[in-house]
Protein backbone atom coordinates (compact mmCIF):
# COMPACT_ATOMS: atom_id res chain seq x y z
CA UNK A 1 68.60 204.99 52.25
CA UNK A 2 71.22 205.35 54.67
CA UNK A 3 73.93 202.25 55.03
CA UNK A 4 73.79 201.71 58.96
CA UNK A 5 69.49 202.11 58.48
CA UNK A 6 70.24 198.95 55.69
CA UNK A 7 72.48 196.72 57.93
CA UNK A 8 70.57 197.63 60.61
CA UNK A 9 67.41 195.98 58.39
CA UNK A 10 69.44 193.47 56.60
CA UNK A 11 69.54 191.61 60.48
CA UNK A 12 66.19 191.83 61.27
CA UNK A 13 66.09 188.59 60.22
CA UNK A 14 63.26 186.87 63.32
CA UNK A 15 60.45 187.73 63.57
CA UNK A 16 60.00 187.17 67.35
CA UNK A 17 63.21 187.87 69.98
CA UNK A 18 63.12 186.70 73.73
CA UNK A 19 65.02 187.84 76.66
CA UNK A 20 64.75 188.64 79.99
CA UNK A 21 66.62 189.25 83.11
CA UNK A 22 66.15 191.00 86.75
CA UNK A 23 67.10 194.67 85.10
CA UNK A 24 67.44 195.70 88.86
CA UNK A 25 68.78 199.26 89.14
CA UNK A 26 68.52 199.73 85.19
CA UNK A 27 71.97 200.75 83.21
CA UNK A 28 73.05 201.37 80.03
CA UNK A 29 74.67 197.41 80.18
CA UNK A 30 70.42 196.67 80.18
CA UNK A 31 70.44 198.72 77.41
CA UNK A 32 72.41 197.84 75.57
CA UNK A 33 70.96 194.27 75.60
CA UNK A 34 67.97 196.14 74.92
CA UNK A 35 69.22 197.47 71.90
CA UNK A 36 71.27 195.38 70.25
CA UNK A 37 68.29 192.00 69.87
CA UNK A 38 65.41 194.90 68.87
CA UNK A 39 68.15 195.46 66.27
CA UNK A 40 67.68 191.23 65.32
CA UNK A 41 64.02 190.73 65.05
CA UNK A 42 61.14 192.51 64.07
CA UNK A 43 59.32 191.89 67.14
CA UNK A 44 60.80 192.10 71.23
CA UNK A 45 59.83 190.36 74.27
CA UNK A 46 61.10 191.25 77.40
CA UNK A 47 60.82 188.58 80.54
CA UNK A 48 61.27 191.19 84.44
CA UNK A 49 61.61 188.14 86.21
CA UNK A 50 59.87 187.98 89.39
CA UNK A 51 60.75 189.19 92.80
CA UNK A 52 60.50 185.53 93.93
CA UNK A 53 62.66 184.18 90.71
CA UNK A 54 65.33 186.07 91.71
CA UNK A 55 64.92 185.22 95.62
CA UNK A 56 65.18 181.10 94.53
CA UNK A 57 67.97 182.01 92.52
CA UNK A 58 70.15 183.88 93.53
CA UNK A 59 68.67 184.25 97.37
CA UNK A 60 68.91 188.37 98.18
CA UNK A 61 65.97 190.63 97.21
CA UNK A 62 66.37 193.09 94.45
CA UNK A 63 67.29 196.78 95.05
CA UNK A 64 64.15 197.82 92.80
CA UNK A 65 60.22 196.07 93.44
CA UNK A 66 59.14 193.98 90.50
CA UNK A 67 56.44 196.84 89.04
CA UNK A 68 58.77 199.89 89.24
CA UNK A 69 60.97 197.18 87.46
CA UNK A 70 58.05 196.28 84.56
CA UNK A 71 57.54 199.66 84.46
CA UNK A 72 60.63 201.33 83.54
CA UNK A 73 61.66 198.69 80.28
CA UNK A 74 57.83 198.38 79.55
CA UNK A 75 59.13 202.22 78.41
CA UNK A 76 62.01 201.44 76.77
CA UNK A 77 61.60 202.44 72.27
CA UNK A 78 63.31 198.90 72.14
CA UNK A 79 60.53 196.56 73.78
CA UNK A 80 57.28 195.47 72.30
CA UNK A 81 55.86 193.74 74.72
CA UNK A 82 56.52 193.32 79.07
CA UNK A 83 55.58 189.84 80.83
CA UNK A 84 57.04 188.48 84.11
CA UNK A 85 59.56 186.26 84.09
CA UNK A 86 58.18 183.31 86.43
CA UNK A 87 60.65 180.66 85.64
CA UNK A 88 64.15 179.49 84.59
CA UNK A 89 62.90 177.24 82.06
CA UNK A 90 63.51 177.72 78.29
CA UNK A 91 60.52 174.90 77.23
CA UNK A 92 58.52 176.42 78.92
CA UNK A 93 59.48 179.92 78.20
CA UNK A 94 59.14 179.06 74.89
CA UNK A 95 56.32 176.71 74.84
CA UNK A 96 54.38 180.55 76.04
CA UNK A 97 55.71 182.38 73.57
CA UNK A 98 56.77 180.62 71.02
CA UNK A 99 59.71 183.13 69.89
CA UNK A 100 61.93 182.70 67.11
CA UNK A 101 65.50 184.40 68.75
CA UNK A 102 66.70 183.94 72.60
CA UNK A 103 68.89 186.34 73.70
CA UNK A 104 71.25 185.76 75.55
CA UNK A 105 74.87 188.31 77.38
CA UNK A 106 77.55 186.94 77.54
CA UNK A 107 77.73 187.22 81.23
CA UNK A 108 74.44 185.41 81.97
CA UNK A 109 74.80 181.93 83.63
CA UNK A 110 74.41 179.27 81.50
CA UNK A 111 70.60 177.38 81.02
CA UNK A 112 70.32 174.04 79.79
CA UNK A 113 67.65 173.78 76.79
CA UNK A 114 65.78 170.84 76.11
CA UNK A 115 66.60 168.73 72.58
CA UNK A 116 63.38 169.07 71.43
CA UNK A 117 63.25 172.57 71.44
CA UNK A 118 66.56 173.76 69.64
CA UNK A 119 65.38 173.01 66.55
CA UNK A 120 63.27 175.63 66.96
CA UNK A 121 64.56 179.07 68.00
CA UNK A 122 68.26 179.96 67.96
CA UNK A 123 70.43 180.83 71.11
CA UNK A 124 71.58 184.29 70.43
CA UNK A 125 74.85 185.38 72.86
CA UNK A 126 74.91 189.46 73.11
CA UNK A 127 78.84 190.68 74.22
CA UNK A 128 78.15 192.57 77.49
CA UNK A 129 79.69 196.07 76.24
CA UNK A 130 78.81 199.14 77.26
CA UNK A 131 78.42 201.93 74.18
CA UNK A 132 77.91 204.93 74.02
CA UNK A 133 74.68 206.41 71.99
CA UNK A 134 75.59 209.78 70.42
CA UNK A 135 72.92 211.97 72.40
CA UNK A 136 72.22 213.39 68.82
CA UNK A 137 71.62 210.00 67.00
CA UNK A 138 68.32 209.96 69.79
CA UNK A 139 66.00 213.10 68.39
CA UNK A 140 63.30 213.32 66.66
CA UNK A 141 62.89 216.36 63.86
CA UNK A 142 61.02 218.68 65.49
CA UNK A 143 59.16 219.87 62.26
CA UNK A 144 55.42 220.79 63.09
CA UNK A 145 55.38 219.62 66.53
CA UNK A 146 52.98 222.45 68.26
CA UNK A 147 53.71 222.52 71.91
CA UNK A 148 56.99 221.40 72.85
CA UNK A 149 58.39 220.31 76.32
CA UNK A 150 61.23 220.38 78.68
CA UNK A 151 62.06 219.16 81.25
CA UNK A 152 65.70 218.67 83.29
CA UNK A 153 67.12 216.26 86.31
CA UNK A 154 70.41 214.55 86.73
CA UNK A 155 69.32 211.39 86.11
CA UNK A 156 71.06 209.16 88.88
CA UNK A 157 70.28 205.17 88.67
CA UNK A 158 66.77 205.87 86.90
CA UNK A 159 64.15 205.35 88.72
CA UNK A 160 60.04 205.10 88.50
CA UNK A 161 59.86 208.81 90.36
CA UNK A 162 61.75 209.71 87.09
CA UNK A 163 59.73 208.00 84.99
CA UNK A 164 57.05 208.64 86.26
CA UNK A 165 57.62 212.79 85.72
CA UNK A 166 58.72 212.07 82.60
CA UNK A 167 55.85 210.30 81.14
CA UNK A 168 53.35 212.73 82.26
CA UNK A 169 55.59 215.63 80.23
CA UNK A 170 55.12 213.31 77.59
CA UNK A 171 51.47 213.53 77.82
CA UNK A 172 51.46 217.01 78.47
CA UNK A 173 53.16 218.18 74.85
CA UNK A 174 54.33 216.70 71.82
CA UNK A 175 57.89 217.05 71.90
CA UNK A 176 59.02 216.90 74.92
CA UNK A 177 63.57 217.10 75.28
CA UNK A 178 64.96 216.75 78.17
CA UNK A 179 68.16 218.27 79.80
CA UNK A 180 70.29 215.50 81.42
CA UNK A 181 72.67 218.19 83.96
CA UNK A 182 76.58 217.00 83.77
CA UNK A 183 78.79 215.89 86.08
CA UNK A 184 80.36 219.19 86.75
CA UNK A 185 77.20 220.97 87.28
CA UNK A 186 76.00 217.81 89.82
CA UNK A 187 79.25 218.28 92.01
CA UNK A 188 79.05 221.99 91.48
CA UNK A 189 75.73 222.90 92.23
CA UNK A 190 75.41 219.10 95.35
CA UNK A 191 78.96 218.58 95.80
CA UNK A 192 79.15 215.35 94.43
CA UNK A 193 79.77 213.44 91.61
CA UNK A 194 77.16 210.97 90.29
CA UNK A 195 77.15 207.26 90.21
CA UNK A 196 75.98 207.15 86.89
CA UNK A 197 78.30 208.70 84.49
CA UNK A 198 76.89 211.51 81.52
CA UNK A 199 77.18 210.19 78.18
CA UNK A 200 75.67 206.38 80.47
CA UNK A 201 72.58 208.37 81.52
CA UNK A 202 72.31 210.46 78.42
CA UNK A 203 71.86 207.14 76.88
CA UNK A 204 69.22 205.85 79.35
CA UNK A 205 67.10 209.00 78.84
CA UNK A 206 66.93 208.78 75.35
CA UNK A 207 66.14 204.70 75.27
CA UNK A 208 62.79 206.20 77.01
CA UNK A 209 60.02 206.23 74.47
CA UNK A 210 58.79 209.68 75.56
CA UNK A 211 61.55 211.49 75.24
CA UNK A 212 62.43 213.03 71.77
CA UNK A 213 65.05 215.20 72.38
CA UNK A 214 68.15 215.24 74.97
CA UNK A 215 70.55 217.45 75.44
CA UNK A 216 73.67 218.74 77.98
CA UNK A 217 72.09 220.88 81.21
CA UNK A 218 75.16 222.76 82.32
CA UNK A 219 73.67 225.05 83.96
CA UNK A 220 70.19 226.43 86.11
CA UNK A 221 69.87 229.00 83.01
CA UNK A 222 66.40 228.08 82.08
CA UNK A 223 65.80 231.29 80.38
CA UNK A 224 68.42 230.48 78.43
CA UNK A 225 67.93 226.52 77.65
CA UNK A 226 64.53 228.55 76.29
CA UNK A 227 66.73 231.01 74.08
CA UNK A 228 67.95 227.56 72.53
CA UNK A 229 64.77 225.40 72.38
CA UNK A 230 62.21 228.01 72.41
CA UNK A 231 59.68 225.45 75.04
CA UNK A 232 56.57 226.03 75.61
CA UNK A 233 56.07 224.79 78.89
CA UNK A 234 58.32 223.19 81.38
CA UNK A 235 57.71 221.02 83.52
CA UNK A 236 59.21 219.61 87.31
CA UNK A 237 58.44 217.92 90.00
CA UNK A 238 55.37 219.20 92.56
CA UNK A 239 58.08 219.09 95.63
CA UNK A 240 59.18 222.66 94.14
CA UNK A 241 55.81 224.36 93.73
CA UNK A 242 56.38 227.26 95.84
CA UNK A 243 60.32 227.46 96.80
CA UNK A 244 62.03 231.16 95.88
CA UNK A 245 63.37 229.48 93.09
CA UNK A 246 60.43 228.50 91.11
CA UNK A 247 58.84 231.61 92.04
CA UNK A 248 61.08 233.52 90.40
CA UNK A 249 61.09 231.33 87.28
CA UNK A 250 57.44 232.04 86.78
CA UNK A 251 57.81 235.31 87.35
CA UNK A 252 60.28 235.32 84.29
CA UNK A 253 58.58 232.78 81.97
CA UNK A 254 54.82 234.43 82.40
CA UNK A 255 55.70 237.83 79.35
CA UNK A 256 56.82 234.31 77.39
CA UNK A 257 53.96 232.61 77.62
CA UNK A 258 55.94 229.49 79.02
CA UNK A 259 53.67 227.59 80.98
CA UNK A 260 54.92 225.90 84.11
CA UNK A 261 53.71 222.70 84.73
CA UNK A 262 54.45 221.10 88.02
CA UNK A 263 54.00 217.39 88.42
CA UNK A 264 53.05 215.08 90.92
CA UNK A 265 56.53 213.42 92.91
CA UNK A 266 56.88 209.87 93.67
CA UNK A 267 56.82 209.47 97.05
CA UNK A 268 59.43 206.63 99.07
CA UNK A 269 62.01 206.95 95.49
CA UNK A 270 65.02 209.44 94.72
CA UNK A 271 68.69 207.95 94.05
CA UNK A 272 68.93 209.70 97.75
CA UNK A 273 67.39 206.95 98.91
CA UNK A 274 68.88 204.29 96.58
CA UNK A 275 72.70 205.43 97.04
CA UNK A 276 71.37 203.99 100.96
CA UNK A 277 70.34 200.44 99.54
CA UNK A 278 73.10 199.73 97.98
C-alpha cells in the first residue's frame, strides 16, 4: 500500500461531504475542488446551482444550461451524487442531506451558518488553486480488457457535446483511451490557440469517469496511434461521416479489423459557439 494512498485514507474522516457551485464552463479549478473534497469524505454530494438561483444571486445568466452543468458534474469520477442547489441557506440544505462536512472554495462568497447547526457539520475551506494532474496517474489497468476504444479531440471548454461522445464511446468498449490534441497541433491544424491549456484539458478529461486513459495527440496519424495502443474501435462524431478524410481511415483500418464508429453529434453546442458567448 503506497504512502500516498495511506495519506488519502487518513484524510477521509467525513462520511458525507457536500459542496456546491454554478460549475459554469467546467474547468480545472472546479475539478480541483471536487477532487480535494472527495479525498476527505466517503460520499460526496455536489449541488449544482439552478439557473434561477444564479440569476437571483448574480443578476446574470449562465453560459451553460442547468441540465448540461448537471450532466458534466455527474460525469466527474470524484462525485457520488449530484443534486439541484435551489437555496443558499445552509440550514435548509443540511436538513435535506445531513452532511458532515461542507466544502467551500477559498474564493467563494461568505455565507452565514446558523449557530444552531454549527455543531452538526464542519466547514472545510479548500484553496482555489490549479493543480496539474500527470496524465499517467489517471490511467487504469488495461489487463483483460477485451474491447479497446479510442477517440480524440481538442476538448477546449469542455461541454455536453464532448461528454456525449465520450460517454457513448465507453458504452461500446471495455477500455476507453482518449487522445487530447496538444496546443501545438491545434495551432497548426486550426490556426488558433485553445482557450484552455493542454495540461488543464488533459486533467478535465482524466477526471471523467468514462475515461480509462488519457494520451496526448501530437498529430492526426491514426495508424501510428493504433500501432501504439492497439485499439479495436475508433470513435468519432457523426458530422465526420462521409468526409474524404474518414473514408480513407475506413479503407486503412478495414484490413486491421478496426471498426470506425460514428457517434451522434450534439447539435447547438461547440467550442466555437462558446467562444462567441464568453
